[in-house]
């Protein structure tokens, strides 16, 4: 078990006064299997009104408005979380269960693709080839491994709203691309899969109390009798360095921050994630 402290700041600077701003933030971690939120807060400056709720996917959402002229907006999300590895299933479900009508109906939302996650024909064919003789759990690992080998991690290679197909065509992408590409590939062979948004502590060797620059991150979970978390970007199981913010079908379901505003254009954006291990 590991205790992590995360401070995520996002600051917008505008070229002139902004008259109004309407936003949704999904920046509060979730308690659940493998993760317990000990404390969390979301500070917004300036702020006129906010409302906190859980969305359809179970993510903690803060809707907020700024209805006064402002030239900057600062959002600071802070949390302390205990995380532990989620044990993989001892007896993963077989194909007749995973592709059976009951699971296919219950988890239909995590089997249906969108333009963001649609596996290119070449990826779907690769995934189908890797199924042969393997259980769903083994096939999922092999599929993610093949994508890890084929796609190079290159920051800036894609945009935040790029589809999985773009990363495959370029054979380059970031964690969001790897997660959406893996989700699409798994769904193409009938394995329910979902997209996970969160944070990653990048240094296993960091000392307790040492604050390092962390990362917003994305990974996947596939269903084989239970949800199995896996990080396809780093090709490792999700363990004590990952903090979950939200789960959904794709990035758009769990985007950390989105909104609209009326006024001058954005003059600058600064995002920082600071993370440390606590005793």
Protein backbone atom coordinates (compact mmCIF):
# COMPACT_ATOMS: atom_id res chain seq x y z
CA UNK A 1 0.00 0.00 0.00
CA UNK A 2 1.17 3.52 -0.80
CA UNK A 3 -0.12 6.91 0.30
CA UNK A 4 0.12 9.60 -2.38
CA UNK A 5 -0.43 13.35 -2.18
CA UNK A 6 -1.43 15.06 -5.45
CA UNK A 7 -1.76 18.78 -6.22
CA UNK A 8 -2.99 19.55 -9.73
CA UNK A 9 -3.10 23.21 -10.76
CA UNK A 10 -4.53 24.63 -13.98
CA UNK A 11 -4.24 28.35 -14.69
CA UNK A 12 -5.72 30.19 -17.66
CA UNK A 13 -4.58 33.70 -18.57
CA UNK A 14 -6.75 35.68 -20.97
CA UNK A 15 -5.82 38.45 -23.39
CA UNK A 16 -8.49 40.69 -21.90
CA UNK A 17 -11.51 40.58 -19.60
CA UNK A 18 -13.65 37.45 -19.82
CA UNK A 19 -17.28 38.27 -19.05
CA UNK A 20 -18.44 34.77 -18.11
CA UNK A 21 -17.10 31.21 -17.89
CA UNK A 22 -19.00 27.90 -17.59
CA UNK A 23 -17.05 24.74 -16.75
CA UNK A 24 -17.03 21.10 -15.65
CA UNK A 25 -14.12 19.64 -13.67
CA UNK A 26 -13.45 15.94 -13.10
CA UNK A 27 -10.41 16.34 -10.89
CA UNK A 28 -11.51 14.62 -7.66
CA UNK A 29 -10.23 11.04 -7.13
CA UNK A 30 -12.62 8.15 -6.47
CA UNK A 31 -12.67 5.68 -3.59
CA UNK A 32 -13.10 2.09 -4.70
CA UNK A 33 -11.29 -1.20 -5.15
CA UNK A 34 -7.57 -0.52 -4.69
CA UNK A 35 -8.02 3.15 -3.78
CA UNK A 36 -9.24 5.10 -0.74
CA UNK A 37 -9.50 8.88 -0.81
CA UNK A 38 -8.41 10.23 2.57
CA UNK A 39 -9.01 13.90 1.72
CA UNK A 40 -9.73 16.02 -1.33
CA UNK A 41 -10.52 19.61 -2.22
CA UNK A 42 -11.08 21.69 -5.34
CA UNK A 43 -10.37 25.42 -5.11
CA UNK A 44 -11.51 27.76 -7.89
CA UNK A 45 -10.54 31.43 -8.19
CA UNK A 46 -12.52 33.45 -9.08
CA UNK A 47 -15.84 31.69 -8.50
CA UNK A 48 -19.49 32.69 -8.60
CA UNK A 49 -21.30 29.35 -8.22
CA UNK A 50 -20.52 25.63 -8.05
CA UNK A 51 -22.41 22.36 -7.84
CA UNK A 52 -20.89 18.94 -7.05
CA UNK A 53 -22.40 15.64 -8.17
CA UNK A 54 -21.62 12.15 -9.52
CA UNK A 55 -22.18 11.65 -13.22
CA UNK A 56 -23.60 8.60 -15.01
CA UNK A 57 -20.18 6.91 -15.01
CA UNK A 58 -19.61 7.50 -11.30
CA UNK A 59 -17.05 10.30 -11.67
CA UNK A 60 -17.04 13.18 -9.19
CA UNK A 61 -17.96 16.32 -11.14
CA UNK A 62 -17.80 19.97 -10.12
CA UNK A 63 -19.82 22.32 -12.31
CA UNK A 64 -18.89 25.95 -11.80
CA UNK A 65 -19.53 29.39 -13.23
CA UNK A 66 -17.65 32.67 -13.09
CA UNK A 67 -20.12 35.48 -13.81
CA UNK A 68 -17.83 38.44 -13.23
CA UNK A 69 -15.16 40.00 -15.46
CA UNK A 70 -11.86 38.19 -14.98
CA UNK A 71 -8.52 37.90 -16.78
CA UNK A 72 -7.35 34.65 -15.21
CA UNK A 73 -8.81 31.45 -13.81
CA UNK A 74 -7.00 29.18 -11.34
CA UNK A 75 -8.21 25.66 -10.46
CA UNK A 76 -6.33 23.76 -7.75
CA UNK A 77 -7.25 20.13 -7.05
CA UNK A 78 -5.62 18.57 -3.99
CA UNK A 79 -5.99 15.03 -2.67
CA UNK A 80 -4.41 12.46 -0.42
CA UNK A 81 -5.07 8.89 -1.50
CA UNK A 82 -4.13 5.41 -0.34
CA UNK A 83 -3.56 3.06 -3.26
CA UNK A 84 -2.80 -0.66 -3.42
CA UNK A 85 -2.49 -3.17 -6.28
CA UNK A 86 -5.75 -4.71 -7.47
CA UNK A 87 -5.27 -8.52 -7.53
CA UNK A 88 -5.78 -10.04 -10.93
CA UNK A 89 -8.48 -12.73 -11.11
CA UNK A 90 -7.38 -16.25 -10.18
CA UNK A 91 -9.95 -17.78 -12.54
CA UNK A 92 -10.68 -15.27 -15.32
CA UNK A 93 -13.92 -15.73 -17.22
CA UNK A 94 -13.81 -17.82 -20.40
CA UNK A 95 -14.98 -16.71 -23.82
CA UNK A 96 -18.43 -18.21 -23.45
CA UNK A 97 -19.02 -15.94 -20.44
CA UNK A 98 -17.34 -12.80 -21.78
CA UNK A 99 -19.13 -12.99 -25.13
CA UNK A 100 -22.36 -14.39 -23.71
CA UNK A 101 -25.60 -12.49 -24.14
CA UNK A 102 -25.86 -11.49 -20.48
CA UNK A 103 -22.45 -9.79 -20.35
CA UNK A 104 -22.80 -8.36 -23.84
CA UNK A 105 -26.08 -6.75 -22.77
CA UNK A 106 -25.03 -5.59 -19.29
CA UNK A 107 -21.72 -4.11 -20.50
CA UNK A 108 -22.92 -3.01 -23.93
CA UNK A 109 -21.72 0.55 -23.35
CA UNK A 110 -18.16 -0.74 -23.00
CA UNK A 111 -18.38 -2.76 -26.20
CA UNK A 112 -19.77 -0.07 -28.51
CA UNK A 113 -17.17 2.05 -30.30
CA UNK A 114 -17.10 5.73 -31.15
CA UNK A 115 -14.93 7.54 -33.70
CA UNK A 116 -12.42 8.16 -30.88
CA UNK A 117 -11.92 4.47 -30.06
CA UNK A 118 -12.77 2.70 -33.33
CA UNK A 119 -10.01 0.20 -34.07
CA UNK A 120 -8.61 0.52 -37.61
CA UNK A 121 -9.11 -2.61 -39.73
CA UNK A 122 -5.43 -3.50 -39.36
CA UNK A 123 -5.65 -3.29 -35.56
CA UNK A 124 -8.86 -5.33 -35.46
CA UNK A 125 -7.20 -8.02 -37.60
CA UNK A 126 -4.13 -8.03 -35.34
CA UNK A 127 -6.35 -8.40 -32.26
CA UNK A 128 -8.30 -11.25 -33.85
CA UNK A 129 -5.06 -13.10 -34.66
CA UNK A 130 -3.91 -12.78 -31.05
CA UNK A 131 -7.10 -14.38 -29.71
CA UNK A 132 -6.26 -17.80 -31.11
CA UNK A 133 -5.83 -20.34 -28.31
CA UNK A 134 -5.80 -17.70 -25.56
CA UNK A 135 -8.32 -16.94 -22.85
CA UNK A 136 -9.89 -13.45 -22.88
CA UNK A 137 -7.53 -12.35 -20.09
CA UNK A 138 -4.46 -13.68 -21.93
CA UNK A 139 -5.66 -12.22 -25.22
CA UNK A 140 -6.15 -8.79 -23.63
CA UNK A 141 -2.57 -8.80 -22.36
CA UNK A 142 -1.24 -9.90 -25.76
CA UNK A 143 -3.25 -7.25 -27.60
CA UNK A 144 -1.99 -4.46 -25.34
CA UNK A 145 1.54 -5.81 -25.69
CA UNK A 146 1.35 -5.77 -29.49
CA UNK A 147 0.14 -2.16 -29.49
CA UNK A 148 2.89 -1.19 -27.05
CA UNK A 149 5.46 -2.67 -29.44
CA UNK A 150 3.93 -0.95 -32.48
CA UNK A 151 3.23 2.59 -31.23
CA UNK A 152 5.99 4.89 -29.97
CA UNK A 153 5.33 7.25 -27.07
CA UNK A 154 5.93 10.76 -28.47
CA UNK A 155 4.54 13.79 -26.60
CA UNK A 156 2.85 16.23 -28.94
CA UNK A 157 2.41 13.69 -31.73
CA UNK A 158 -1.39 13.98 -31.47
CA UNK A 159 -3.97 16.48 -30.20
CA UNK A 160 -6.29 16.06 -27.23
CA UNK A 161 -9.25 15.20 -29.46
CA UNK A 162 -7.36 12.90 -31.86
CA UNK A 163 -8.93 9.52 -32.59
CA UNK A 164 -7.14 6.26 -31.92
CA UNK A 165 -6.81 5.72 -35.67
CA UNK A 166 -4.54 8.78 -35.95
CA UNK A 167 -2.04 7.37 -33.47
CA UNK A 168 -2.05 4.04 -35.28
CA UNK A 169 -1.51 5.66 -38.66
CA UNK A 170 1.43 7.67 -37.34
CA UNK A 171 2.61 4.85 -35.02
CA UNK A 172 3.08 7.63 -32.46
CA UNK A 173 1.00 8.96 -29.61
CA UNK A 174 0.61 9.59 -25.89
CA UNK A 175 -1.16 7.79 -23.05
CA UNK A 176 -4.61 8.95 -24.16
CA UNK A 177 -4.00 7.49 -27.62
CA UNK A 178 -2.67 4.21 -26.24
CA UNK A 179 -5.66 3.88 -23.94
CA UNK A 180 -8.24 4.61 -26.64
CA UNK A 181 -6.46 2.39 -29.17
CA UNK A 182 -6.30 -0.48 -26.65
CA UNK A 183 -9.96 -0.01 -25.72
CA UNK A 184 -10.98 -0.21 -29.39
CA UNK A 185 -8.83 -3.27 -30.05
CA UNK A 186 -10.22 -5.13 -27.03
CA UNK A 187 -13.80 -4.29 -27.95
CA UNK A 188 -13.21 -5.46 -31.52
CA UNK A 189 -12.79 -9.05 -30.24
CA UNK A 190 -15.72 -8.84 -27.80
CA UNK A 191 -13.87 -7.99 -24.57
CA UNK A 192 -15.60 -5.17 -22.62
CA UNK A 193 -13.12 -2.36 -22.01
CA UNK A 194 -13.22 1.09 -20.48
CA UNK A 195 -11.02 4.18 -20.42
CA UNK A 196 -9.54 5.37 -17.11
CA UNK A 197 -8.33 8.89 -16.35
CA UNK A 198 -5.99 9.67 -13.47
CA UNK A 199 -2.48 10.47 -12.34
CA UNK A 200 0.83 8.62 -12.44
CA UNK A 201 3.71 8.94 -10.00
CA UNK A 202 6.64 8.63 -12.42
CA UNK A 203 9.44 7.69 -10.02
CA UNK A 204 9.32 4.49 -8.03
CA UNK A 205 12.59 5.44 -6.35
CA UNK A 206 11.36 8.79 -4.97
CA UNK A 207 11.84 9.28 -1.25
CA UNK A 208 8.91 9.68 1.13
CA UNK A 209 7.96 13.37 1.16
CA UNK A 210 9.87 14.17 -2.04
CA UNK A 211 7.67 16.24 -4.35
CA UNK A 212 8.13 15.38 -8.03
CA UNK A 213 6.48 16.49 -11.24
CA UNK A 214 3.75 13.96 -11.86
CA UNK A 215 1.58 13.37 -14.89
CA UNK A 216 -2.04 13.28 -15.88
CA UNK A 217 -2.38 9.78 -17.24
CA UNK A 218 -4.75 7.34 -18.90
CA UNK A 219 -5.02 3.56 -18.93
CA UNK A 220 -7.59 0.81 -19.48
CA UNK A 221 -9.64 -1.80 -17.67
CA UNK A 222 -10.93 -4.95 -19.35
CA UNK A 223 -13.66 -7.23 -18.00
CA UNK A 224 -13.00 -10.97 -17.54
CA UNK A 225 -15.28 -11.68 -14.59
CA UNK A 226 -13.97 -8.55 -12.87
CA UNK A 227 -12.44 -5.33 -14.15
CA UNK A 228 -8.68 -5.68 -14.63
CA UNK A 229 -6.64 -2.42 -14.70
CA UNK A 230 -3.67 -2.25 -17.06
CA UNK A 231 -1.39 0.56 -18.26
CA UNK A 232 -0.79 -0.01 -22.00
CA UNK A 233 1.50 3.03 -22.35
CA UNK A 234 4.04 1.52 -19.96
CA UNK A 235 2.94 -2.10 -20.47
CA UNK A 236 2.53 -2.75 -16.74
CA UNK A 237 -0.31 -3.66 -14.40
CA UNK A 238 -1.80 -0.69 -12.55
CA UNK A 239 -0.34 -0.68 -9.07
CA UNK A 240 0.64 1.80 -6.36
CA UNK A 241 1.71 4.64 -8.66
CA UNK A 242 -1.69 5.19 -10.30
CA UNK A 243 -4.51 7.36 -8.93
CA UNK A 244 -7.97 7.01 -10.50
CA UNK A 245 -10.02 10.11 -11.31
CA UNK A 246 -12.74 8.63 -13.51
CA UNK A 247 -13.83 5.85 -15.85
CA UNK A 248 -15.84 5.98 -19.06
CA UNK A 249 -16.09 4.86 -22.66
CA UNK A 250 -13.40 7.25 -23.92
CA UNK A 251 -11.54 10.47 -23.09
CA UNK A 252 -14.54 12.74 -23.58
CA UNK A 253 -16.43 10.98 -20.76
CA UNK A 254 -13.70 11.79 -18.23
CA UNK A 255 -11.93 14.92 -19.50
CA UNK A 256 -10.44 16.62 -16.40
CA UNK A 257 -11.66 20.07 -17.40
CA UNK A 258 -13.87 21.46 -20.13
CA UNK A 259 -16.00 24.52 -20.62
CA UNK A 260 -16.82 27.63 -22.57
CA UNK A 261 -16.30 31.32 -21.96
CA UNK A 262 -17.32 34.70 -23.37
CA UNK A 263 -14.60 37.27 -23.90
CA UNK A 264 -11.00 37.63 -25.05
CA UNK A 265 -9.01 34.64 -26.23
CA UNK A 266 -6.68 32.59 -24.06
CA UNK A 267 -3.27 34.19 -23.70
CA UNK A 268 -1.67 31.34 -21.78
CA UNK A 269 -2.32 28.01 -20.09
CA UNK A 270 -0.17 26.48 -17.35
CA UNK A 271 -0.81 22.99 -15.97
CA UNK A 272 1.21 21.36 -13.23
CA UNK A 273 0.85 18.08 -11.34
CA UNK A 274 2.91 17.74 -8.14
CA UNK A 275 2.89 14.37 -6.45
CA UNK A 276 4.65 12.84 -3.47
CA UNK A 277 4.68 9.67 -1.40
CA UNK A 278 3.57 10.16 2.20
CA UNK A 279 4.43 8.13 5.29
